[in-house]
């Protein structure tokens, strides 16, 4: 059982963390993720994976970027069902 999570990344954020769920351009829900790292040499991608893994209570190796590694809009693969992801991240909104 693996799920795909759609996320929107904000690199070089002064307040790193996981925001709430928002509607993407295609109408699907995507998670807002802010990281302090710049999008150079994969630093922001690595920070995203670590941050999401920690928030979901998973190891870093259980979370991977499956699409959009060079884009703000990414897809992550996690070994949880979609409902478990929402529960662990606080449902529709999450405040840091």
PDB file of N, CA and C in Angstrom:
ATOM      1  N   UNK A   1       0.847  -1.171   0.000  1.00  0.00           N
ATOM      2  CA  UNK A   1       0.000   0.000   0.000  1.00  0.00           C
ATOM      3  C   UNK A   1       0.894   1.235   0.000  1.00  0.00           C
ATOM      4  N   UNK A   2       0.920   1.897  -1.092  1.00  0.00           N
ATOM      5  CA  UNK A   2       1.694   3.133  -1.238  1.00  0.00           C
ATOM      6  C   UNK A   2       0.779   4.220  -1.770  1.00  0.00           C
ATOM      7  N   UNK A   3       1.024   5.431  -1.313  1.00  0.00           N
ATOM      8  CA  UNK A   3       0.244   6.569  -1.796  1.00  0.00           C
ATOM      9  C   UNK A   3       1.170   7.600  -2.417  1.00  0.00           C
ATOM     10  N   UNK A   4       0.588   8.390  -3.296  1.00  0.00           N
ATOM     11  CA  UNK A   4       1.287   9.520  -3.890  1.00  0.00           C
ATOM     12  C   UNK A   4       0.737  10.783  -3.243  1.00  0.00           C
ATOM     13  N   UNK A   5       1.628  11.654  -2.769  1.00  0.00           N
ATOM     14  CA  UNK A   5       1.223  12.928  -2.186  1.00  0.00           C
ATOM     15  C   UNK A   5       1.666  14.029  -3.139  1.00  0.00           C
ATOM     16  N   UNK A   6       0.747  14.901  -3.510  1.00  0.00           N
ATOM     17  CA  UNK A   6       1.094  16.059  -4.327  1.00  0.00           C
ATOM     18  C   UNK A   6       1.501  17.177  -3.373  1.00  0.00           C
ATOM     19  N   UNK A   7       2.643  17.805  -3.634  1.00  0.00           N
ATOM     20  CA  UNK A   7       3.103  18.899  -2.787  1.00  0.00           C
ATOM     21  C   UNK A   7       3.523  20.091  -3.638  1.00  0.00           C
ATOM     22  N   UNK A   8       3.504  21.256  -3.019  1.00  0.00           N
ATOM     23  CA  UNK A   8       4.031  22.477  -3.637  1.00  0.00           C
ATOM     24  C   UNK A   8       5.113  22.989  -2.705  1.00  0.00           C
ATOM     25  N   UNK A   9       6.316  23.118  -3.208  1.00  0.00           N
ATOM     26  CA  UNK A   9       7.463  23.488  -2.391  1.00  0.00           C
ATOM     27  C   UNK A   9       7.784  24.973  -2.531  1.00  0.00           C
ATOM     28  N   UNK A  10       8.071  25.603  -1.388  1.00  0.00           N
ATOM     29  CA  UNK A  10       8.579  26.970  -1.371  1.00  0.00           C
ATOM     30  C   UNK A  10      10.001  26.897  -0.817  1.00  0.00           C
ATOM     31  N   UNK A  11      11.016  27.011  -1.681  1.00  0.00           N
ATOM     32  CA  UNK A  11      12.397  26.993  -1.201  1.00  0.00           C
ATOM     33  C   UNK A  11      12.784  28.352  -0.627  1.00  0.00           C
ATOM     34  N   UNK A  12      13.886  28.379   0.094  1.00  0.00           N
ATOM     35  CA  UNK A  12      14.423  29.600   0.709  1.00  0.00           C
ATOM     36  C   UNK A  12      13.398  30.302   1.596  1.00  0.00           C
ATOM     37  N   UNK A  13      12.591  29.531   2.295  1.00  0.00           N
ATOM     38  CA  UNK A  13      11.570  30.097   3.175  1.00  0.00           C
ATOM     39  C   UNK A  13      12.193  30.491   4.515  1.00  0.00           C
ATOM     40  N   UNK A  14      11.738  31.610   5.056  1.00  0.00           N
ATOM     41  CA  UNK A  14      12.224  32.034   6.369  1.00  0.00           C
ATOM     42  C   UNK A  14      11.525  31.255   7.481  1.00  0.00           C
ATOM     43  N   UNK A  15      10.423  30.590   7.153  1.00  0.00           N
ATOM     44  CA  UNK A  15       9.689  29.784   8.134  1.00  0.00           C
ATOM     45  C   UNK A  15       9.463  28.380   7.577  1.00  0.00           C
ATOM     46  N   UNK A  16      10.496  27.517   7.632  1.00  0.00           N
ATOM     47  CA  UNK A  16      10.335  26.162   7.109  1.00  0.00           C
ATOM     48  C   UNK A  16       9.264  25.396   7.881  1.00  0.00           C
ATOM     49  N   UNK A  17       8.567  24.520   7.182  1.00  0.00           N
ATOM     50  CA  UNK A  17       7.568  23.686   7.826  1.00  0.00           C
ATOM     51  C   UNK A  17       6.526  23.221   6.829  1.00  0.00           C
ATOM     52  N   UNK A  18       5.528  22.522   7.362  1.00  0.00           N
ATOM     53  CA  UNK A  18       4.451  22.016   6.531  1.00  0.00           C
ATOM     54  C   UNK A  18       3.232  22.878   6.763  1.00  0.00           C
ATOM     55  N   UNK A  19       2.686  23.391   5.679  1.00  0.00           N
ATOM     56  CA  UNK A  19       1.493  24.226   5.760  1.00  0.00           C
ATOM     57  C   UNK A  19       0.247  23.382   5.630  1.00  0.00           C
ATOM     58  N   UNK A  20      -0.764  23.937   5.040  1.00  0.00           N
ATOM     59  CA  UNK A  20      -2.020  23.218   4.886  1.00  0.00           C
ATOM     60  C   UNK A  20      -2.178  22.642   3.500  1.00  0.00           C
ATOM     61  N   UNK A  21      -3.311  22.039   3.282  1.00  0.00           N
ATOM     62  CA  UNK A  21      -3.666  21.515   1.970  1.00  0.00           C
ATOM     63  C   UNK A  21      -4.299  22.640   1.171  1.00  0.00           C
ATOM     64  N   UNK A  22      -3.976  22.737  -0.095  1.00  0.00           N
ATOM     65  CA  UNK A  22      -4.539  23.760  -0.968  1.00  0.00           C
ATOM     66  C   UNK A  22      -4.958  23.115  -2.273  1.00  0.00           C
ATOM     67  N   UNK A  23      -5.802  23.791  -3.018  1.00  0.00           N
ATOM     68  CA  UNK A  23      -6.235  23.279  -4.321  1.00  0.00           C
ATOM     69  C   UNK A  23      -5.188  23.648  -5.370  1.00  0.00           C
ATOM     70  N   UNK A  24      -4.719  22.670  -6.090  1.00  0.00           N
ATOM     71  CA  UNK A  24      -3.750  22.893  -7.170  1.00  0.00           C
ATOM     72  C   UNK A  24      -4.493  23.397  -8.404  1.00  0.00           C
ATOM     73  N   UNK A  25      -3.757  23.754  -9.429  1.00  0.00           N
ATOM     74  CA  UNK A  25      -4.355  24.254 -10.663  1.00  0.00           C
ATOM     75  C   UNK A  25      -5.291  23.226 -11.295  1.00  0.00           C
ATOM     76  N   UNK A  26      -4.978  21.939 -11.117  1.00  0.00           N
ATOM     77  CA  UNK A  26      -5.827  20.888 -11.697  1.00  0.00           C
ATOM     78  C   UNK A  26      -6.999  20.507 -10.790  1.00  0.00           C
ATOM     79  N   UNK A  27      -7.132  21.202  -9.648  1.00  0.00           N
ATOM     80  CA  UNK A  27      -8.250  20.954  -8.745  1.00  0.00           C
ATOM     81  C   UNK A  27      -7.969  19.940  -7.652  1.00  0.00           C
ATOM     82  N   UNK A  28      -6.875  19.213  -7.756  1.00  0.00           N
ATOM     83  CA  UNK A  28      -6.536  18.231  -6.725  1.00  0.00           C
ATOM     84  C   UNK A  28      -5.860  18.910  -5.546  1.00  0.00           C
ATOM     85  N   UNK A  29      -5.946  18.285  -4.396  1.00  0.00           N
ATOM     86  CA  UNK A  29      -5.325  18.837  -3.193  1.00  0.00           C
ATOM     87  C   UNK A  29      -3.821  18.608  -3.226  1.00  0.00           C
ATOM     88  N   UNK A  30      -3.073  19.631  -2.816  1.00  0.00           N
ATOM     89  CA  UNK A  30      -1.631  19.474  -2.673  1.00  0.00           C
ATOM     90  C   UNK A  30      -1.209  20.107  -1.355  1.00  0.00           C
ATOM     91  N   UNK A  31      -0.174  19.561  -0.775  1.00  0.00           N
ATOM     92  CA  UNK A  31       0.325  19.994   0.514  1.00  0.00           C
ATOM     93  C   UNK A  31       1.379  21.083   0.329  1.00  0.00           C
ATOM     94  N   UNK A  32       1.282  22.142   1.113  1.00  0.00           N
ATOM     95  CA  UNK A  32       2.280  23.205   1.052  1.00  0.00           C
ATOM     96  C   UNK A  32       3.454  22.832   1.958  1.00  0.00           C
ATOM     97  N   UNK A  33       4.656  22.852   1.400  1.00  0.00           N
ATOM     98  CA  UNK A  33       5.865  22.532   2.148  1.00  0.00           C
ATOM     99  C   UNK A  33       6.866  23.654   1.938  1.00  0.00           C
ATOM    100  N   UNK A  34       7.388  24.199   3.052  1.00  0.00           N
ATOM    101  CA  UNK A  34       8.381  25.276   2.984  1.00  0.00           C
ATOM    102  C   UNK A  34       9.707  24.770   3.545  1.00  0.00           C
ATOM    103  N   UNK A  35      10.796  25.027   2.824  1.00  0.00           N
ATOM    104  CA  UNK A  35      12.130  24.639   3.288  1.00  0.00           C
ATOM    105  C   UNK A  35      13.070  25.828   3.190  1.00  0.00           C
ATOM    106  N   UNK A  36      14.071  25.868   4.035  1.00  0.00           N
ATOM    107  CA  UNK A  36      15.031  26.970   4.048  1.00  0.00           C
ATOM    108  C   UNK A  36      16.081  26.826   2.950  1.00  0.00           C
ATOM    109  N   UNK A  37      16.318  25.608   2.507  1.00  0.00           N
ATOM    110  CA  UNK A  37      17.368  25.347   1.528  1.00  0.00           C
ATOM    111  C   UNK A  37      17.015  25.893   0.149  1.00  0.00           C
ATOM    112  N   UNK A  38      18.056  26.238  -0.602  1.00  0.00           N
ATOM    113  CA  UNK A  38      17.895  26.705  -1.978  1.00  0.00           C
ATOM    114  C   UNK A  38      17.750  25.494  -2.904  1.00  0.00           C
ATOM    115  N   UNK A  39      17.092  25.687  -4.041  1.00  0.00           N
ATOM    116  CA  UNK A  39      16.917  24.558  -4.968  1.00  0.00           C
ATOM    117  C   UNK A  39      18.157  24.300  -5.825  1.00  0.00           C
ATOM    118  N   UNK A  40      19.296  24.181  -5.196  1.00  0.00           N
ATOM    119  CA  UNK A  40      20.551  23.930  -5.912  1.00  0.00           C
ATOM    120  C   UNK A  40      21.155  22.618  -5.426  1.00  0.00           C
ATOM    121  N   UNK A  41      21.654  21.831  -6.356  1.00  0.00           N
ATOM    122  CA  UNK A  41      22.300  20.553  -6.045  1.00  0.00           C
ATOM    123  C   UNK A  41      21.406  19.606  -5.248  1.00  0.00           C
ATOM    124  N   UNK A  42      20.081  19.737  -5.404  1.00  0.00           N
ATOM    125  CA  UNK A  42      19.159  18.830  -4.726  1.00  0.00           C
ATOM    126  C   UNK A  42      18.958  19.095  -3.247  1.00  0.00           C
ATOM    127  N   UNK A  43      19.485  20.203  -2.744  1.00  0.00           N
ATOM    128  CA  UNK A  43      19.380  20.502  -1.308  1.00  0.00           C
ATOM    129  C   UNK A  43      17.932  20.675  -0.862  1.00  0.00           C
ATOM    130  N   UNK A  44      17.138  21.390  -1.644  1.00  0.00           N
ATOM    131  CA  UNK A  44      15.730  21.601  -1.282  1.00  0.00           C
ATOM    132  C   UNK A  44      14.960  20.283  -1.354  1.00  0.00           C
ATOM    133  N   UNK A  45      15.236  19.465  -2.362  1.00  0.00           N
ATOM    134  CA  UNK A  45      14.560  18.168  -2.459  1.00  0.00           C
ATOM    135  C   UNK A  45      14.860  17.294  -1.258  1.00  0.00           C
ATOM    136  N   UNK A  46      16.105  17.256  -0.851  1.00  0.00           N
ATOM    137  CA  UNK A  46      16.499  16.452   0.316  1.00  0.00           C
ATOM    138  C   UNK A  46      15.802  16.976   1.568  1.00  0.00           C
ATOM    139  N   UNK A  47      15.730  18.289   1.711  1.00  0.00           N
ATOM    140  CA  UNK A  47      15.065  18.890   2.869  1.00  0.00           C
ATOM    141  C   UNK A  47      13.573  18.556   2.882  1.00  0.00           C
ATOM    142  N   UNK A  48      12.951  18.564   1.703  1.00  0.00           N
ATOM    143  CA  UNK A  48      11.529  18.220   1.591  1.00  0.00           C
ATOM    144  C   UNK A  48      11.302  16.782   2.056  1.00  0.00           C
ATOM    145  N   UNK A  49      12.109  15.860   1.566  1.00  0.00           N
ATOM    146  CA  UNK A  49      11.953  14.451   1.924  1.00  0.00           C
ATOM    147  C   UNK A  49      12.120  14.265   3.429  1.00  0.00           C
ATOM    148  N   UNK A  50      13.145  14.886   4.013  1.00  0.00           N
ATOM    149  CA  UNK A  50      13.371  14.767   5.458  1.00  0.00           C
ATOM    150  C   UNK A  50      12.215  15.347   6.254  1.00  0.00           C
ATOM    151  N   UNK A  51      11.731  16.516   5.857  1.00  0.00           N
ATOM    152  CA  UNK A  51      10.653  17.187   6.574  1.00  0.00           C
ATOM    153  C   UNK A  51       9.352  16.382   6.520  1.00  0.00           C
ATOM    154  N   UNK A  52       8.990  15.905   5.342  1.00  0.00           N
ATOM    155  CA  UNK A  52       7.756  15.123   5.201  1.00  0.00           C
ATOM    156  C   UNK A  52       7.877  13.789   5.938  1.00  0.00           C
ATOM    157  N   UNK A  53       9.025  13.141   5.842  1.00  0.00           N
ATOM    158  CA  UNK A  53       9.225  11.871   6.554  1.00  0.00           C
ATOM    159  C   UNK A  53       9.057  12.063   8.059  1.00  0.00           C
ATOM    160  N   UNK A  54       9.662  13.108   8.591  1.00  0.00           N
ATOM    161  CA  UNK A  54       9.556  13.375  10.026  1.00  0.00           C
ATOM    162  C   UNK A  54       8.103  13.656  10.429  1.00  0.00           C
ATOM    163  N   UNK A  55       7.396  14.458   9.633  1.00  0.00           N
ATOM    164  CA  UNK A  55       6.010  14.808   9.932  1.00  0.00           C
ATOM    165  C   UNK A  55       5.091  13.587   9.896  1.00  0.00           C
ATOM    166  N   UNK A  56       5.418  12.628   9.038  1.00  0.00           N
ATOM    167  CA  UNK A  56       4.595  11.421   8.914  1.00  0.00           C
ATOM    168  C   UNK A  56       5.052  10.298   9.836  1.00  0.00           C
ATOM    169  N   UNK A  57       6.151  10.506  10.546  1.00  0.00           N
ATOM    170  CA  UNK A  57       6.669   9.468  11.438  1.00  0.00           C
ATOM    171  C   UNK A  57       7.295   8.314  10.678  1.00  0.00           C
ATOM    172  N   UNK A  58       7.903   8.616   9.548  1.00  0.00           N
ATOM    173  CA  UNK A  58       8.543   7.602   8.711  1.00  0.00           C
ATOM    174  C   UNK A  58      10.041   7.845   8.660  1.00  0.00           C
ATOM    175  N   UNK A  59      10.777   6.836   8.202  1.00  0.00           N
ATOM    176  CA  UNK A  59      12.208   7.050   7.994  1.00  0.00           C
ATOM    177  C   UNK A  59      12.395   7.743   6.655  1.00  0.00           C
ATOM    178  N   UNK A  60      13.514   8.407   6.484  1.00  0.00           N
ATOM    179  CA  UNK A  60      13.814   9.152   5.269  1.00  0.00           C
ATOM    180  C   UNK A  60      13.796   8.224   4.052  1.00  0.00           C
ATOM    181  N   UNK A  61      14.214   6.992   4.218  1.00  0.00           N
ATOM    182  CA  UNK A  61      14.274   6.054   3.096  1.00  0.00           C
ATOM    183  C   UNK A  61      12.899   5.582   2.630  1.00  0.00           C
ATOM    184  N   UNK A  62      11.858   5.814   3.420  1.00  0.00           N
ATOM    185  CA  UNK A  62      10.506   5.396   3.047  1.00  0.00           C
ATOM    186  C   UNK A  62       9.777   6.441   2.201  1.00  0.00           C
ATOM    187  N   UNK A  63      10.359   7.636   2.073  1.00  0.00           N
ATOM    188  CA  UNK A  63       9.745   8.719   1.307  1.00  0.00           C
ATOM    189  C   UNK A  63      10.633   9.019   0.104  1.00  0.00           C
ATOM    190  N   UNK A  64      10.032   9.102  -1.077  1.00  0.00           N
ATOM    191  CA  UNK A  64      10.832   9.415  -2.257  1.00  0.00           C
ATOM    192  C   UNK A  64      10.053  10.321  -3.201  1.00  0.00           C
ATOM    193  N   UNK A  65      10.800  11.123  -3.946  1.00  0.00           N
ATOM    194  CA  UNK A  65      10.204  11.999  -4.952  1.00  0.00           C
ATOM    195  C   UNK A  65      10.054  11.172  -6.228  1.00  0.00           C
ATOM    196  N   UNK A  66       8.810  11.054  -6.703  1.00  0.00           N
ATOM    197  CA  UNK A  66       8.560  10.246  -7.899  1.00  0.00           C
ATOM    198  C   UNK A  66       8.342  11.097  -9.141  1.00  0.00           C
ATOM    199  N   UNK A  67       8.038  12.385  -8.953  1.00  0.00           N
ATOM    200  CA  UNK A  67       7.846  13.275 -10.109  1.00  0.00           C
ATOM    201  C   UNK A  67       8.095  14.711  -9.681  1.00  0.00           C
ATOM    202  N   UNK A  68       8.632  15.505 -10.594  1.00  0.00           N
ATOM    203  CA  UNK A  68       8.808  16.924 -10.345  1.00  0.00           C
ATOM    204  C   UNK A  68      10.048  17.311  -9.576  1.00  0.00           C
ATOM    205  N   UNK A  69      11.105  16.554  -9.698  1.00  0.00           N
ATOM    206  CA  UNK A  69      12.307  16.858  -8.913  1.00  0.00           C
ATOM    207  C   UNK A  69      12.897  18.230  -9.241  1.00  0.00           C
ATOM    208  N   UNK A  70      12.602  18.770 -10.426  1.00  0.00           N
ATOM    209  CA  UNK A  70      13.120  20.089 -10.796  1.00  0.00           C
ATOM    210  C   UNK A  70      12.014  21.149 -10.802  1.00  0.00           C
ATOM    211  N   UNK A  71      10.895  20.848 -10.178  1.00  0.00           N
ATOM    212  CA  UNK A  71       9.747  21.741 -10.185  1.00  0.00           C
ATOM    213  C   UNK A  71       9.297  22.050  -8.757  1.00  0.00           C
ATOM    214  N   UNK A  72       8.514  23.110  -8.589  1.00  0.00           N
ATOM    215  CA  UNK A  72       7.912  23.401  -7.285  1.00  0.00           C
ATOM    216  C   UNK A  72       6.829  22.384  -6.961  1.00  0.00           C
ATOM    217  N   UNK A  73       6.189  21.856  -7.995  1.00  0.00           N
ATOM    218  CA  UNK A  73       5.114  20.883  -7.819  1.00  0.00           C
ATOM    219  C   UNK A  73       5.703  19.489  -7.949  1.00  0.00           C
ATOM    220  N   UNK A  74       5.617  18.728  -6.875  1.00  0.00           N
ATOM    221  CA  UNK A  74       6.237  17.404  -6.830  1.00  0.00           C
ATOM    222  C   UNK A  74       5.223  16.349  -6.414  1.00  0.00           C
ATOM    223  N   UNK A  75       5.568  15.106  -6.632  1.00  0.00           N
ATOM    224  CA  UNK A  75       4.799  13.975  -6.134  1.00  0.00           C
ATOM    225  C   UNK A  75       5.750  13.130  -5.300  1.00  0.00           C
ATOM    226  N   UNK A  76       5.292  12.798  -4.102  1.00  0.00           N
ATOM    227  CA  UNK A  76       6.069  11.955  -3.210  1.00  0.00           C
ATOM    228  C   UNK A  76       5.376  10.613  -3.052  1.00  0.00           C
ATOM    229  N   UNK A  77       6.155   9.577  -2.932  1.00  0.00           N
ATOM    230  CA  UNK A  77       5.629   8.242  -2.674  1.00  0.00           C
ATOM    231  C   UNK A  77       5.883   7.918  -1.207  1.00  0.00           C
ATOM    232  N   UNK A  78       4.827   7.500  -0.513  1.00  0.00           N
ATOM    233  CA  UNK A  78       4.944   7.130   0.910  1.00  0.00           C
ATOM    234  C   UNK A  78       4.215   5.810   1.145  1.00  0.00           C
ATOM    235  N   UNK A  79       4.695   4.986   2.102  1.00  0.00           N
ATOM    236  CA  UNK A  79       4.069   3.686   2.356  1.00  0.00           C
ATOM    237  C   UNK A  79       2.857   3.773   3.284  1.00  0.00           C
ATOM    238  N   UNK A  80       1.951   4.692   3.006  1.00  0.00           N
ATOM    239  CA  UNK A  80       0.742   4.880   3.801  1.00  0.00           C
ATOM    240  C   UNK A  80      -0.439   5.054   2.861  1.00  0.00           C
ATOM    241  N   UNK A  81      -1.633   4.847   3.381  1.00  0.00           N
ATOM    242  CA  UNK A  81      -2.838   5.143   2.611  1.00  0.00           C
ATOM    243  C   UNK A  81      -3.094   6.648   2.694  1.00  0.00           C
ATOM    244  N   UNK A  82      -3.822   7.184   1.718  1.00  0.00           N
ATOM    245  CA  UNK A  82      -4.085   8.622   1.664  1.00  0.00           C
ATOM    246  C   UNK A  82      -4.741   9.131   2.946  1.00  0.00           C
ATOM    247  N   UNK A  83      -5.659   8.362   3.503  1.00  0.00           N
ATOM    248  CA  UNK A  83      -6.335   8.778   4.738  1.00  0.00           C
ATOM    249  C   UNK A  83      -5.349   8.869   5.906  1.00  0.00           C
ATOM    250  N   UNK A  84      -4.407   7.927   5.989  1.00  0.00           N
ATOM    251  CA  UNK A  84      -3.391   7.958   7.046  1.00  0.00           C
ATOM    252  C   UNK A  84      -2.513   9.193   6.916  1.00  0.00           C
ATOM    253  N   UNK A  85      -2.188   9.565   5.690  1.00  0.00           N
ATOM    254  CA  UNK A  85      -1.370  10.757   5.465  1.00  0.00           C
ATOM    255  C   UNK A  85      -2.090  11.983   6.009  1.00  0.00           C
ATOM    256  N   UNK A  86      -3.365  12.136   5.659  1.00  0.00           N
ATOM    257  CA  UNK A  86      -4.142  13.294   6.133  1.00  0.00           C
ATOM    258  C   UNK A  86      -4.273  13.298   7.653  1.00  0.00           C
ATOM    259  N   UNK A  87      -4.484  12.136   8.245  1.00  0.00           N
ATOM    260  CA  UNK A  87      -4.603  12.062   9.703  1.00  0.00           C
ATOM    261  C   UNK A  87      -3.297  12.473  10.379  1.00  0.00           C
ATOM    262  N   UNK A  88      -2.184  11.971   9.884  1.00  0.00           N
ATOM    263  CA  UNK A  88      -0.884  12.278  10.494  1.00  0.00           C
ATOM    264  C   UNK A  88      -0.469  13.731  10.293  1.00  0.00           C
ATOM    265  N   UNK A  89      -0.954  14.342   9.222  1.00  0.00           N
ATOM    266  CA  UNK A  89      -0.603  15.741   8.957  1.00  0.00           C
ATOM    267  C   UNK A  89      -1.671  16.702   9.474  1.00  0.00           C
ATOM    268  N   UNK A  90      -2.645  16.206  10.179  1.00  0.00           N
ATOM    269  CA  UNK A  90      -3.639  17.085  10.795  1.00  0.00           C
ATOM    270  C   UNK A  90      -4.830  17.400   9.926  1.00  0.00           C
ATOM    271  N   UNK A  91      -5.226  16.501   9.045  1.00  0.00           N
ATOM    272  CA  UNK A  91      -6.433  16.718   8.252  1.00  0.00           C
ATOM    273  C   UNK A  91      -6.247  17.757   7.183  1.00  0.00           C
ATOM    274  N   UNK A  92      -7.192  18.696   7.095  1.00  0.00           N
ATOM    275  CA  UNK A  92      -7.176  19.694   6.038  1.00  0.00           C
ATOM    276  C   UNK A  92      -6.173  20.814   6.293  1.00  0.00           C
ATOM    277  N   UNK A  93      -5.966  21.181   7.525  1.00  0.00           N
ATOM    278  CA  UNK A  93      -5.044  22.287   7.837  1.00  0.00           C
ATOM    279  C   UNK A  93      -4.084  21.828   8.921  1.00  0.00           C
ATOM    280  N   UNK A  94      -2.859  22.295   8.812  1.00  0.00           N
ATOM    281  CA  UNK A  94      -1.865  22.011   9.831  1.00  0.00           C
ATOM    282  C   UNK A  94      -1.129  23.293  10.141  1.00  0.00           C
ATOM    283  N   UNK A  95      -1.014  23.620  11.410  1.00  0.00           N
ATOM    284  CA  UNK A  95      -0.281  24.807  11.845  1.00  0.00           C
ATOM    285  C   UNK A  95       1.012  24.337  12.495  1.00  0.00           C
ATOM    286  N   UNK A  96       2.111  24.999  12.171  1.00  0.00           N
ATOM    287  CA  UNK A  96       3.408  24.657  12.783  1.00  0.00           C
ATOM    288  C   UNK A  96       3.649  25.478  14.022  1.00  0.00           C
TER     289      UNK A  96
END
